[in-house]
């Protein structure tokens, strides 16, 4: 075919000639997220397993909470995602569970939030995939998902996942 005329024998070499196609279907992801419960449950969600790391952004051994952006990804547009179970029990109006995306320790976006409404004791649970809005990343930056739980009956369950996909 045409690719062999140009000396290309590897699909990745061909995709590299097409801007951004080399990232299609690739991702970096961690799993085994820590549980966060009640008023003392606030903190960065730590992960135990590196599932896939096409972009070289995960190092569980040095930081179980961070996706760190290397120089080859500088200026790329990405989406972060978090999948997990959130729970609130509405005995106290305003009891909530929130997961935010932080960049270098500062909140960038709220990824997911559940708030108890009436205070009548209803239980609400949500297990879903949540995506950030597209963000342009810079080398040296790091991103984490941060759980905030209020009241005694709110939690982020153990076992969540956190990952990143390049979109442009």
N, C-alpha and C. Protein backbone atom coordinates (compact mmCIF):
# COMPACT_ATOMS: atom_id res chain seq x y z
N UNK A 1 0.80 -1.17 0.00
CA UNK A 1 0.00 0.00 0.00
C UNK A 1 0.86 1.25 0.00
N UNK A 2 0.22 2.37 0.10
CA UNK A 2 0.88 3.68 0.09
C UNK A 2 1.85 3.84 1.25
N UNK A 3 1.48 3.34 2.42
CA UNK A 3 2.35 3.47 3.59
C UNK A 3 3.70 2.82 3.35
N UNK A 4 3.69 1.65 2.70
CA UNK A 4 4.97 0.97 2.46
C UNK A 4 5.82 1.74 1.45
N UNK A 5 5.23 2.50 0.57
CA UNK A 5 5.98 3.34 -0.35
C UNK A 5 6.78 4.41 0.38
N UNK A 6 6.27 4.84 1.52
CA UNK A 6 6.94 5.86 2.32
C UNK A 6 7.84 5.26 3.39
N UNK A 7 8.02 3.96 3.36
CA UNK A 7 8.89 3.31 4.33
C UNK A 7 8.24 3.08 5.68
N UNK A 8 6.93 3.21 5.76
CA UNK A 8 6.23 3.03 7.03
C UNK A 8 5.68 1.61 7.10
N UNK A 9 6.04 0.89 8.15
CA UNK A 9 5.56 -0.48 8.30
C UNK A 9 4.78 -0.67 9.58
N UNK A 10 4.68 0.37 10.39
CA UNK A 10 4.03 0.29 11.69
C UNK A 10 2.82 1.23 11.69
N UNK A 11 1.69 0.75 12.16
CA UNK A 11 0.46 1.56 12.18
C UNK A 11 0.67 2.83 13.01
N UNK A 12 1.37 2.73 14.15
CA UNK A 12 1.61 3.92 14.98
C UNK A 12 2.40 4.97 14.21
N UNK A 13 3.33 4.55 13.34
CA UNK A 13 4.09 5.50 12.53
C UNK A 13 3.18 6.23 11.54
N UNK A 14 2.22 5.50 10.99
CA UNK A 14 1.26 6.11 10.06
C UNK A 14 0.36 7.09 10.80
N UNK A 15 -0.17 6.67 11.96
CA UNK A 15 -1.05 7.55 12.74
C UNK A 15 -0.32 8.80 13.20
N UNK A 16 0.98 8.70 13.44
CA UNK A 16 1.75 9.86 13.89
C UNK A 16 1.75 10.97 12.85
N UNK A 17 1.52 10.62 11.60
CA UNK A 17 1.47 11.62 10.53
C UNK A 17 0.15 12.38 10.51
N UNK A 18 -0.86 11.86 11.19
CA UNK A 18 -2.18 12.48 11.25
C UNK A 18 -2.31 13.14 12.62
N UNK A 19 -2.41 14.48 12.68
CA UNK A 19 -2.48 15.15 13.98
C UNK A 19 -3.59 14.56 14.86
N UNK A 20 -3.24 14.24 16.08
CA UNK A 20 -4.12 13.77 17.14
C UNK A 20 -4.65 12.35 16.94
N UNK A 21 -4.51 11.77 15.76
CA UNK A 21 -4.98 10.40 15.56
C UNK A 21 -4.18 9.41 16.39
N UNK A 22 -2.95 9.77 16.71
CA UNK A 22 -2.13 8.85 17.50
C UNK A 22 -2.65 8.65 18.91
N UNK A 23 -3.58 9.51 19.36
CA UNK A 23 -4.16 9.38 20.69
C UNK A 23 -5.49 8.66 20.69
N UNK A 24 -6.03 8.37 19.52
CA UNK A 24 -7.35 7.75 19.43
C UNK A 24 -7.36 6.40 20.15
N UNK A 25 -8.32 6.22 21.05
CA UNK A 25 -8.48 4.96 21.75
C UNK A 25 -7.47 4.73 22.87
N UNK A 26 -6.63 5.71 23.16
CA UNK A 26 -5.64 5.55 24.21
C UNK A 26 -6.08 6.31 25.46
N UNK A 27 -5.62 5.83 26.61
CA UNK A 27 -6.02 6.43 27.87
C UNK A 27 -5.04 6.04 28.97
N UNK A 28 -5.12 6.75 30.07
CA UNK A 28 -4.40 6.39 31.29
C UNK A 28 -5.43 6.31 32.40
N UNK A 29 -5.33 5.26 33.22
CA UNK A 29 -6.37 5.04 34.24
C UNK A 29 -5.83 4.30 35.46
N UNK A 30 -6.31 4.73 36.64
CA UNK A 30 -6.03 4.07 37.92
C UNK A 30 -7.35 3.56 38.49
N UNK A 31 -7.28 2.54 39.34
CA UNK A 31 -8.49 2.03 40.00
C UNK A 31 -8.19 1.66 41.45
N UNK A 32 -9.23 1.24 42.15
CA UNK A 32 -9.09 0.88 43.56
C UNK A 32 -9.10 2.09 44.47
N UNK A 33 -9.90 3.11 44.11
CA UNK A 33 -9.98 4.34 44.87
C UNK A 33 -10.37 4.14 46.33
N UNK A 34 -9.82 4.96 47.21
CA UNK A 34 -10.07 4.86 48.64
C UNK A 34 -11.47 5.35 49.00
N UNK A 35 -11.98 4.85 50.13
CA UNK A 35 -13.28 5.26 50.64
C UNK A 35 -13.14 6.52 51.47
N UNK A 36 -14.13 7.40 51.39
CA UNK A 36 -14.18 8.63 52.19
C UNK A 36 -15.58 8.71 52.79
N UNK A 37 -15.66 8.81 54.12
CA UNK A 37 -16.96 8.76 54.81
C UNK A 37 -17.08 9.83 55.88
N UNK A 38 -18.26 10.45 55.93
CA UNK A 38 -18.61 11.37 57.02
C UNK A 38 -17.82 12.66 57.03
N UNK A 39 -18.00 13.43 58.10
CA UNK A 39 -17.39 14.76 58.21
C UNK A 39 -15.87 14.72 58.12
N UNK A 40 -15.27 13.62 58.52
CA UNK A 40 -13.81 13.52 58.49
C UNK A 40 -13.32 12.92 57.17
N UNK A 41 -14.23 12.75 56.21
CA UNK A 41 -13.89 12.03 54.98
C UNK A 41 -13.26 12.84 53.87
N UNK A 42 -12.98 14.10 54.08
CA UNK A 42 -12.43 14.92 53.00
C UNK A 42 -10.99 14.53 52.70
N UNK A 43 -10.64 14.52 51.42
CA UNK A 43 -9.26 14.25 51.03
C UNK A 43 -9.14 13.78 49.61
N UNK A 44 -7.90 13.78 49.12
CA UNK A 44 -7.62 13.26 47.79
C UNK A 44 -7.90 11.76 47.78
N UNK A 45 -8.51 11.29 46.71
CA UNK A 45 -8.80 9.87 46.59
C UNK A 45 -7.53 9.17 46.13
N UNK A 46 -7.07 8.20 46.91
CA UNK A 46 -5.87 7.42 46.59
C UNK A 46 -6.28 6.16 45.84
N UNK A 47 -5.44 5.74 44.90
CA UNK A 47 -5.72 4.57 44.07
C UNK A 47 -4.64 3.51 44.28
N UNK A 48 -5.01 2.25 44.09
CA UNK A 48 -4.08 1.15 44.36
C UNK A 48 -3.53 0.47 43.12
N UNK A 49 -4.18 0.67 41.97
CA UNK A 49 -3.81 -0.09 40.78
C UNK A 49 -3.71 0.83 39.56
N UNK A 50 -2.66 0.65 38.80
CA UNK A 50 -2.52 1.31 37.49
C UNK A 50 -3.06 0.34 36.46
N UNK A 51 -4.20 0.69 35.84
CA UNK A 51 -4.82 -0.20 34.86
C UNK A 51 -4.19 -0.08 33.49
N UNK A 52 -3.88 1.15 33.11
CA UNK A 52 -3.34 1.43 31.78
C UNK A 52 -2.69 2.80 31.83
N UNK A 53 -1.59 2.98 31.12
CA UNK A 53 -0.94 4.30 31.13
C UNK A 53 -0.28 4.59 29.79
N UNK A 54 -1.10 4.83 28.78
CA UNK A 54 -0.60 5.13 27.44
C UNK A 54 0.20 6.43 27.38
N UNK A 55 -0.01 7.35 28.34
CA UNK A 55 0.60 8.68 28.28
C UNK A 55 1.73 8.89 29.28
N UNK A 56 2.04 7.91 30.11
CA UNK A 56 3.11 8.05 31.09
C UNK A 56 2.80 9.09 32.16
N UNK A 57 1.55 9.13 32.63
CA UNK A 57 1.13 10.15 33.60
C UNK A 57 0.89 9.59 35.00
N UNK A 58 0.96 8.27 35.16
CA UNK A 58 0.66 7.63 36.43
C UNK A 58 1.90 6.95 37.00
N UNK A 59 2.14 7.15 38.29
CA UNK A 59 3.18 6.42 39.00
C UNK A 59 2.67 6.16 40.41
N UNK A 60 1.98 5.04 40.59
CA UNK A 60 1.38 4.69 41.89
C UNK A 60 2.43 4.66 42.99
N UNK A 61 3.66 4.25 42.66
CA UNK A 61 4.71 4.13 43.67
C UNK A 61 5.10 5.47 44.28
N UNK A 62 5.04 6.54 43.50
CA UNK A 62 5.43 7.86 44.02
C UNK A 62 4.24 8.71 44.44
N UNK A 63 3.08 8.49 43.84
CA UNK A 63 1.87 9.20 44.26
C UNK A 63 0.65 8.43 43.80
N UNK A 64 -0.09 7.93 44.76
CA UNK A 64 -1.28 7.14 44.47
C UNK A 64 -2.51 8.00 44.19
N UNK A 65 -2.34 9.33 44.19
CA UNK A 65 -3.48 10.23 43.96
C UNK A 65 -3.38 11.03 42.68
N UNK A 66 -2.20 11.12 42.07
CA UNK A 66 -1.96 12.12 41.01
C UNK A 66 -1.82 11.55 39.61
N UNK A 67 -2.33 12.34 38.66
CA UNK A 67 -2.01 12.21 37.25
C UNK A 67 -1.13 13.42 36.95
N UNK A 68 0.15 13.16 36.60
CA UNK A 68 1.13 14.23 36.38
C UNK A 68 1.42 14.37 34.90
N UNK A 69 1.38 15.59 34.41
CA UNK A 69 1.49 15.85 32.98
C UNK A 69 2.96 15.97 32.56
N UNK A 70 3.45 15.10 31.66
CA UNK A 70 4.83 15.20 31.16
C UNK A 70 4.93 16.19 29.99
N UNK A 71 6.13 16.59 29.67
CA UNK A 71 6.32 17.61 28.62
C UNK A 71 5.75 17.24 27.25
N UNK A 72 5.76 15.98 26.80
CA UNK A 72 5.17 15.70 25.48
C UNK A 72 3.67 16.02 25.37
N UNK A 73 2.99 16.15 26.52
CA UNK A 73 1.55 16.44 26.49
C UNK A 73 1.24 17.93 26.69
N UNK A 74 2.27 18.75 26.83
CA UNK A 74 2.07 20.19 27.03
C UNK A 74 1.20 20.78 25.93
N UNK A 75 0.13 21.48 26.33
CA UNK A 75 -0.76 22.14 25.38
C UNK A 75 -1.86 21.26 24.81
N UNK A 76 -1.90 19.99 25.18
CA UNK A 76 -2.96 19.10 24.69
C UNK A 76 -4.27 19.35 25.43
N UNK A 77 -5.37 19.11 24.74
CA UNK A 77 -6.70 19.23 25.35
C UNK A 77 -7.12 17.83 25.80
N UNK A 78 -7.52 17.73 27.07
CA UNK A 78 -7.85 16.42 27.65
C UNK A 78 -9.20 16.48 28.36
N UNK A 79 -9.72 15.29 28.63
CA UNK A 79 -10.85 15.12 29.54
C UNK A 79 -10.40 14.16 30.62
N UNK A 80 -10.72 14.50 31.86
CA UNK A 80 -10.50 13.61 32.98
C UNK A 80 -11.83 12.94 33.29
N UNK A 81 -11.76 11.75 33.85
CA UNK A 81 -13.00 11.08 34.26
C UNK A 81 -12.81 10.40 35.60
N UNK A 82 -13.91 10.30 36.32
CA UNK A 82 -13.97 9.59 37.59
C UNK A 82 -15.24 8.76 37.58
N UNK A 83 -15.12 7.48 37.92
CA UNK A 83 -16.28 6.60 38.04
C UNK A 83 -16.29 6.03 39.44
N UNK A 84 -17.40 6.21 40.12
CA UNK A 84 -17.49 5.68 41.47
C UNK A 84 -18.89 5.81 42.02
N UNK A 85 -19.05 5.30 43.23
CA UNK A 85 -20.34 5.34 43.91
C UNK A 85 -20.32 6.42 44.99
N UNK A 86 -21.35 7.26 44.98
CA UNK A 86 -21.53 8.30 45.99
C UNK A 86 -22.84 8.01 46.71
N UNK A 87 -22.88 8.37 48.00
CA UNK A 87 -24.03 8.02 48.83
C UNK A 87 -24.31 9.17 49.79
N UNK A 88 -25.58 9.54 49.95
CA UNK A 88 -26.00 10.46 51.01
C UNK A 88 -27.28 9.93 51.63
N UNK A 89 -27.42 10.16 52.91
CA UNK A 89 -28.65 9.81 53.60
C UNK A 89 -29.17 11.11 54.21
N UNK A 90 -30.40 11.47 53.88
CA UNK A 90 -30.91 12.80 54.16
C UNK A 90 -31.48 13.07 55.52
N UNK A 91 -30.85 12.59 56.58
CA UNK A 91 -31.34 12.93 57.91
C UNK A 91 -31.09 14.39 58.23
N UNK A 92 -30.09 14.97 57.63
CA UNK A 92 -29.78 16.38 57.84
C UNK A 92 -29.80 17.08 56.50
N UNK A 93 -30.66 18.10 56.37
CA UNK A 93 -30.76 18.84 55.11
C UNK A 93 -29.38 19.41 54.76
N UNK A 94 -28.98 19.23 53.52
CA UNK A 94 -27.70 19.78 53.07
C UNK A 94 -26.53 18.82 53.20
N UNK A 95 -26.74 17.64 53.79
CA UNK A 95 -25.67 16.64 53.82
C UNK A 95 -25.31 16.34 52.37
N UNK A 96 -24.02 16.38 52.07
CA UNK A 96 -23.66 16.12 50.68
C UNK A 96 -22.34 15.38 50.53
N UNK A 97 -22.17 14.88 49.33
CA UNK A 97 -20.94 14.22 48.90
C UNK A 97 -20.54 14.87 47.59
N UNK A 98 -19.30 15.35 47.52
CA UNK A 98 -18.83 16.06 46.33
C UNK A 98 -17.48 15.49 45.90
N UNK A 99 -17.29 15.33 44.60
CA UNK A 99 -15.98 14.97 44.05
C UNK A 99 -15.58 16.09 43.11
N UNK A 100 -14.42 16.68 43.39
CA UNK A 100 -13.91 17.77 42.55
C UNK A 100 -12.60 17.35 41.89
N UNK A 101 -12.32 17.97 40.76
CA UNK A 101 -11.04 17.80 40.08
C UNK A 101 -10.16 18.96 40.52
N UNK A 102 -8.97 18.63 41.01
CA UNK A 102 -8.02 19.66 41.43
C UNK A 102 -6.80 19.65 40.53
N UNK A 103 -6.31 20.85 40.24
CA UNK A 103 -5.07 21.03 39.48
C UNK A 103 -4.07 21.68 40.42
N UNK A 104 -2.95 21.03 40.66
CA UNK A 104 -1.90 21.54 41.55
C UNK A 104 -2.47 21.96 42.91
N UNK A 105 -3.47 21.22 43.39
CA UNK A 105 -4.04 21.46 44.71
C UNK A 105 -5.21 22.42 44.76
N UNK A 106 -5.57 23.04 43.63
CA UNK A 106 -6.70 23.99 43.60
C UNK A 106 -7.85 23.43 42.77
N UNK A 107 -9.07 23.65 43.23
CA UNK A 107 -10.24 23.14 42.53
C UNK A 107 -10.37 23.76 41.14
N UNK A 108 -10.55 22.89 40.16
CA UNK A 108 -10.76 23.31 38.78
C UNK A 108 -12.24 23.16 38.41
N UNK A 109 -12.82 22.01 38.76
CA UNK A 109 -14.21 21.72 38.43
C UNK A 109 -14.81 20.77 39.45
N UNK A 110 -16.11 20.91 39.66
CA UNK A 110 -16.85 19.89 40.40
C UNK A 110 -17.23 18.83 39.40
N UNK A 111 -16.83 17.60 39.69
CA UNK A 111 -17.10 16.47 38.79
C UNK A 111 -18.47 15.86 39.10
N UNK A 112 -18.77 15.70 40.41
CA UNK A 112 -20.03 15.08 40.81
C UNK A 112 -20.44 15.58 42.19
N UNK A 113 -21.76 15.69 42.41
CA UNK A 113 -22.24 16.13 43.71
C UNK A 113 -23.63 15.56 43.96
N UNK A 114 -23.83 15.05 45.18
CA UNK A 114 -25.15 14.61 45.65
C UNK A 114 -25.45 15.37 46.93
N UNK A 115 -26.66 15.92 47.04
CA UNK A 115 -27.05 16.66 48.25
C UNK A 115 -28.39 16.13 48.75
N UNK A 116 -28.47 15.89 50.07
CA UNK A 116 -29.74 15.46 50.67
C UNK A 116 -30.71 16.63 50.61
N UNK A 117 -31.94 16.35 50.26
CA UNK A 117 -32.91 17.41 50.09
C UNK A 117 -33.76 17.71 51.30
N UNK A 118 -34.69 16.86 51.63
CA UNK A 118 -35.73 17.21 52.59
C UNK A 118 -35.37 16.93 54.04
N UNK A 119 -34.36 16.15 54.30
CA UNK A 119 -34.05 15.79 55.67
C UNK A 119 -34.96 14.72 56.23
N UNK A 120 -35.65 13.99 55.36
CA UNK A 120 -36.61 13.00 55.82
C UNK A 120 -36.02 11.59 55.92
N UNK A 121 -34.72 11.47 55.75
CA UNK A 121 -34.09 10.17 55.88
C UNK A 121 -33.96 9.40 54.59
N UNK A 122 -34.38 9.97 53.47
CA UNK A 122 -34.23 9.28 52.19
C UNK A 122 -32.75 9.05 51.89
N UNK A 123 -32.47 7.92 51.28
CA UNK A 123 -31.11 7.57 50.89
C UNK A 123 -30.99 7.74 49.38
N UNK A 124 -29.93 8.40 48.94
CA UNK A 124 -29.67 8.56 47.52
C UNK A 124 -28.27 8.02 47.24
N UNK A 125 -28.16 7.20 46.22
CA UNK A 125 -26.88 6.64 45.83
C UNK A 125 -26.74 6.77 44.32
N UNK A 126 -25.53 7.05 43.87
CA UNK A 126 -25.30 7.21 42.43
C UNK A 126 -23.97 6.54 42.09
N UNK A 127 -24.00 5.63 41.14
CA UNK A 127 -22.79 4.98 40.63
C UNK A 127 -22.75 5.29 39.15
N UNK A 128 -21.84 6.18 38.74
CA UNK A 128 -21.83 6.62 37.36
C UNK A 128 -20.45 7.11 36.96
N UNK A 129 -20.26 7.27 35.65
CA UNK A 129 -19.04 7.84 35.08
C UNK A 129 -19.26 9.35 34.96
N UNK A 130 -18.30 10.13 35.43
CA UNK A 130 -18.39 11.60 35.39
C UNK A 130 -17.16 12.14 34.66
N UNK A 131 -17.39 13.05 33.71
CA UNK A 131 -16.29 13.64 32.93
C UNK A 131 -16.11 15.11 33.26
N UNK A 132 -14.87 15.56 33.18
CA UNK A 132 -14.60 16.99 33.28
C UNK A 132 -14.94 17.64 31.95
N UNK A 133 -15.03 18.96 31.96
CA UNK A 133 -15.06 19.70 30.71
C UNK A 133 -13.67 19.60 30.09
N UNK A 134 -13.51 19.82 28.79
CA UNK A 134 -12.18 19.76 28.20
C UNK A 134 -11.25 20.81 28.82
N UNK A 135 -10.02 20.39 29.09
CA UNK A 135 -9.00 21.27 29.68
C UNK A 135 -7.71 21.18 28.88
N UNK A 136 -7.02 22.30 28.74
CA UNK A 136 -5.69 22.31 28.14
C UNK A 136 -4.69 22.13 29.28
N UNK A 137 -3.82 21.12 29.15
CA UNK A 137 -2.87 20.80 30.22
C UNK A 137 -1.48 21.35 29.91
N UNK A 138 -0.70 21.54 30.95
CA UNK A 138 0.68 22.03 30.82
C UNK A 138 1.62 21.07 31.53
N UNK A 139 2.80 20.89 30.97
CA UNK A 139 3.77 20.00 31.60
C UNK A 139 4.10 20.49 33.01
N UNK A 140 4.26 19.54 33.91
CA UNK A 140 4.55 19.85 35.31
C UNK A 140 3.31 19.97 36.18
N UNK A 141 2.15 20.13 35.58
CA UNK A 141 0.91 20.19 36.36
C UNK A 141 0.52 18.78 36.81
N UNK A 142 -0.23 18.71 37.91
CA UNK A 142 -0.78 17.43 38.33
C UNK A 142 -2.26 17.62 38.66
N UNK A 143 -3.01 16.55 38.50
CA UNK A 143 -4.45 16.55 38.72
C UNK A 143 -4.81 15.43 39.69
N UNK A 144 -5.79 15.70 40.55
CA UNK A 144 -6.30 14.73 41.51
C UNK A 144 -7.81 14.87 41.59
N UNK A 145 -8.47 13.81 42.04
CA UNK A 145 -9.88 13.91 42.39
C UNK A 145 -9.94 13.94 43.91
N UNK A 146 -10.79 14.83 44.43
CA UNK A 146 -10.85 15.12 45.85
C UNK A 146 -12.27 14.90 46.33
N UNK A 147 -12.43 14.11 47.37
CA UNK A 147 -13.75 13.83 47.93
C UNK A 147 -14.00 14.73 49.13
N UNK A 148 -15.21 15.30 49.19
CA UNK A 148 -15.66 16.06 50.36
C UNK A 148 -16.98 15.44 50.79
N UNK A 149 -17.05 15.01 52.04
CA UNK A 149 -18.27 14.42 52.57
C UNK A 149 -18.65 15.18 53.83
N UNK A 150 -19.94 15.51 53.97
CA UNK A 150 -20.41 16.23 55.15
C UNK A 150 -21.44 15.40 55.87
N UNK A 151 -21.53 15.58 57.16
CA UNK A 151 -22.46 14.78 57.95
C UNK A 151 -21.94 13.37 58.12
N UNK A 152 -22.61 12.60 58.92
CA UNK A 152 -22.15 11.23 59.19
C UNK A 152 -22.64 10.23 58.17
N UNK A 153 -23.62 10.62 57.36
CA UNK A 153 -24.25 9.66 56.44
C UNK A 153 -23.96 10.00 54.99
N UNK A 154 -22.72 10.35 54.67
CA UNK A 154 -22.36 10.58 53.28
C UNK A 154 -21.03 9.89 53.02
N UNK A 155 -20.85 9.41 51.79
CA UNK A 155 -19.59 8.73 51.50
C UNK A 155 -19.32 8.64 50.01
N UNK A 156 -18.04 8.43 49.72
CA UNK A 156 -17.57 7.99 48.41
C UNK A 156 -17.07 6.58 48.67
N UNK A 157 -17.65 5.61 47.99
CA UNK A 157 -17.31 4.21 48.25
C UNK A 157 -15.93 3.85 47.71
N UNK A 158 -15.34 2.82 48.29
CA UNK A 158 -14.05 2.30 47.82
C UNK A 158 -14.22 1.69 46.43
N UNK A 159 -13.15 1.72 45.64
CA UNK A 159 -13.15 1.03 44.36
C UNK A 159 -13.35 1.91 43.14
N UNK A 160 -13.30 3.23 43.27
CA UNK A 160 -13.53 4.10 42.12
C UNK A 160 -12.34 4.08 41.15
N UNK A 161 -12.54 4.67 39.97
CA UNK A 161 -11.46 4.79 38.97
C UNK A 161 -11.28 6.26 38.61
N UNK A 162 -10.08 6.61 38.16
CA UNK A 162 -9.74 7.97 37.75
C UNK A 162 -8.83 7.85 36.54
N UNK A 163 -9.17 8.62 35.50
CA UNK A 163 -8.37 8.51 34.28
C UNK A 163 -8.41 9.76 33.43
N UNK A 164 -7.72 9.66 32.28
CA UNK A 164 -7.55 10.79 31.38
C UNK A 164 -7.52 10.29 29.94
N UNK A 165 -8.15 11.07 29.06
CA UNK A 165 -8.12 10.82 27.61
C UNK A 165 -7.73 12.11 26.92
N UNK A 166 -6.92 12.03 25.87
CA UNK A 166 -6.57 13.21 25.08
C UNK A 166 -7.62 13.35 23.98
N UNK A 167 -8.15 14.57 23.82
CA UNK A 167 -9.18 14.79 22.79
C UNK A 167 -8.67 15.68 21.66
N UNK A 168 -7.58 16.40 21.86
CA UNK A 168 -7.01 17.23 20.77
C UNK A 168 -5.60 17.64 21.13
